[in-house]
C-alpha atoms as a PDB file:
ATOM      1  CA  MET A   1      17.643   3.084  18.931  1.00  0.00           C
ATOM      2  CA  ILE A   2      17.310   0.503  16.200  1.00  0.00           C
ATOM      3  CA  ASP A   3      14.672  -2.045  16.768  1.00  0.00           C
ATOM      4  CA  VAL A   4      15.003  -5.499  15.221  1.00  0.00           C
ATOM      5  CA  PRO A   5      11.494  -7.410  15.741  1.00  0.00           C
ATOM      6  CA  PHE A   6      11.012 -10.997  15.890  1.00  0.00           C
ATOM      7  CA  LYS A   7       7.505 -12.147  14.648  1.00  0.00           C
ATOM      8  CA  ASN A   8       8.189 -15.609  14.821  1.00  0.00           C
ATOM      9  CA  SER A   9       9.684 -15.770  18.210  1.00  0.00           C
ATOM     10  CA  SER A  10       9.471 -18.703  20.724  1.00  0.00           C
ATOM     11  CA  TYR A  11      11.102 -19.118  24.079  1.00  0.00           C
ATOM     12  CA  GLN A  12      14.078 -21.213  22.437  1.00  0.00           C
ATOM     13  CA  LEU A  13      14.803 -18.507  20.026  1.00  0.00           C
ATOM     14  CA  LEU A  14      14.909 -15.751  22.329  1.00  0.00           C
ATOM     15  CA  LEU A  15      17.405 -17.908  24.890  1.00  0.00           C
ATOM     16  CA  ASP A  16      19.437 -18.677  21.694  1.00  0.00           C
ATOM     17  CA  VAL A  17      19.630 -14.973  20.707  1.00  0.00           C
ATOM     18  CA  SER A  18      20.246 -13.706  24.314  1.00  0.00           C
ATOM     19  CA  ASN A  19      23.007 -16.160  24.872  1.00  0.00           C
ATOM     20  CA  TRP A  20      24.334 -14.951  21.335  1.00  0.00           C
ATOM     21  CA  LEU A  21      24.597 -11.644  22.524  1.00  0.00           C
ATOM     22  CA  GLU A  22      26.051 -12.279  25.658  1.00  0.00           C
ATOM     23  CA  ILE A  23      28.973 -13.997  24.282  1.00  0.00           C
ATOM     24  CA  ASN A  24      29.284 -11.711  21.037  1.00  0.00           C
ATOM     25  CA  MET A  25      28.228  -8.321  22.004  1.00  0.00           C
ATOM     26  CA  PRO A  26      28.348  -8.459  25.876  1.00  0.00           C
ATOM     27  CA  ASN A  27      26.410  -5.173  27.654  1.00  0.00           C
ATOM     28  CA  PRO A  28      28.726  -3.596  29.694  1.00  0.00           C
ATOM     29  CA  PRO A  29      28.005  -3.334  33.581  1.00  0.00           C
ATOM     30  CA  LEU A  30      24.687  -1.098  34.869  1.00  0.00           C
ATOM     31  CA  PRO A  31      24.721   1.747  35.292  1.00  0.00           C
ATOM     32  CA  GLU A  32      26.707   2.215  31.742  1.00  0.00           C
ATOM     33  CA  GLU A  33      24.620   2.559  28.518  1.00  0.00           C
ATOM     34  CA  GLN A  34      23.437  -0.951  27.299  1.00  0.00           C
ATOM     35  CA  ARG A  35      24.184  -1.945  23.651  1.00  0.00           C
ATOM     36  CA  TRP A  36      21.114  -3.845  23.383  1.00  0.00           C
ATOM     37  CA  THR A  37      17.789  -4.761  25.022  1.00  0.00           C
ATOM     38  CA  ILE A  38      15.553  -7.549  24.367  1.00  0.00           C
ATOM     39  CA  GLY A  39      11.983  -6.320  25.197  1.00  0.00           C
ATOM     40  CA  PHE A  40       8.296  -7.314  24.301  1.00  0.00           C
ATOM     41  CA  ASP A  41       5.816  -5.109  22.334  1.00  0.00           C
ATOM     42  CA  PRO A  42       2.471  -5.729  23.423  1.00  0.00           C
ATOM     43  CA  ASN A  43       0.610  -3.770  20.856  1.00  0.00           C
ATOM     44  CA  ARG A  44       2.142  -5.971  18.206  1.00  0.00           C
ATOM     45  CA  GLY A  45       2.605  -9.127  20.108  1.00  0.00           C
ATOM     46  CA  ILE A  46       6.051  -9.646  19.332  1.00  0.00           C
ATOM     47  CA  TYR A  47       9.494  -9.574  20.964  1.00  0.00           C
ATOM     48  CA  GLY A  48      12.204  -7.519  19.580  1.00  0.00           C
ATOM     49  CA  ILE A  49      15.600  -6.131  20.533  1.00  0.00           C
ATOM     50  CA  SER A  50      16.572  -2.359  20.551  1.00  0.00           C
ATOM     51  CA  PHE A  51      20.551  -1.126  19.922  1.00  0.00           C
ATOM     52  CA  ASN A  52      22.190   1.552  20.655  1.00  0.00           C
ATOM     53  CA  ASN A  53      24.309   1.498  17.683  1.00  0.00           C
ATOM     54  CA  GLU A  54      23.826   0.716  13.905  1.00  0.00           C
ATOM     55  CA  HIS A  55      26.897  -1.397  13.574  1.00  0.00           C
ATOM     56  CA  ASP A  56      25.840  -3.755  16.364  1.00  0.00           C
ATOM     57  CA  ALA A  57      22.246  -4.020  14.773  1.00  0.00           C
ATOM     58  CA  THR A  58      23.335  -4.647  11.507  1.00  0.00           C
ATOM     59  CA  ILE A  59      25.821  -7.530  12.775  1.00  0.00           C
ATOM     60  CA  PHE A  60      23.012  -9.084  14.446  1.00  0.00           C
ATOM     61  CA  ALA A  61      20.796  -8.896  11.847  1.00  0.00           C
ATOM     62  CA  LEU A  62      23.335 -10.501   9.378  1.00  0.00           C
ATOM     63  CA  ARG A  63      23.469 -13.100  11.949  1.00  0.00           C
ATOM     64  CA  TRP A  64      19.847 -13.934  12.883  1.00  0.00           C
ATOM     65  CA  ALA A  65      18.102 -12.680   9.712  1.00  0.00           C
END
């Protein structure tokens, strides 16, 4: 898993990110392994995305960095 955190995440940013992911890197139907997952880290107080593939994480980071 490759984690990409969002330090300054707003609801609108998360909505924009999730919409972009659904269009450009859609997850396959369950129960297949998901390409990415958005989650919240309560210890750090930030949202982030976990990717199962380094290529997907790199493409995402280049677009949203």
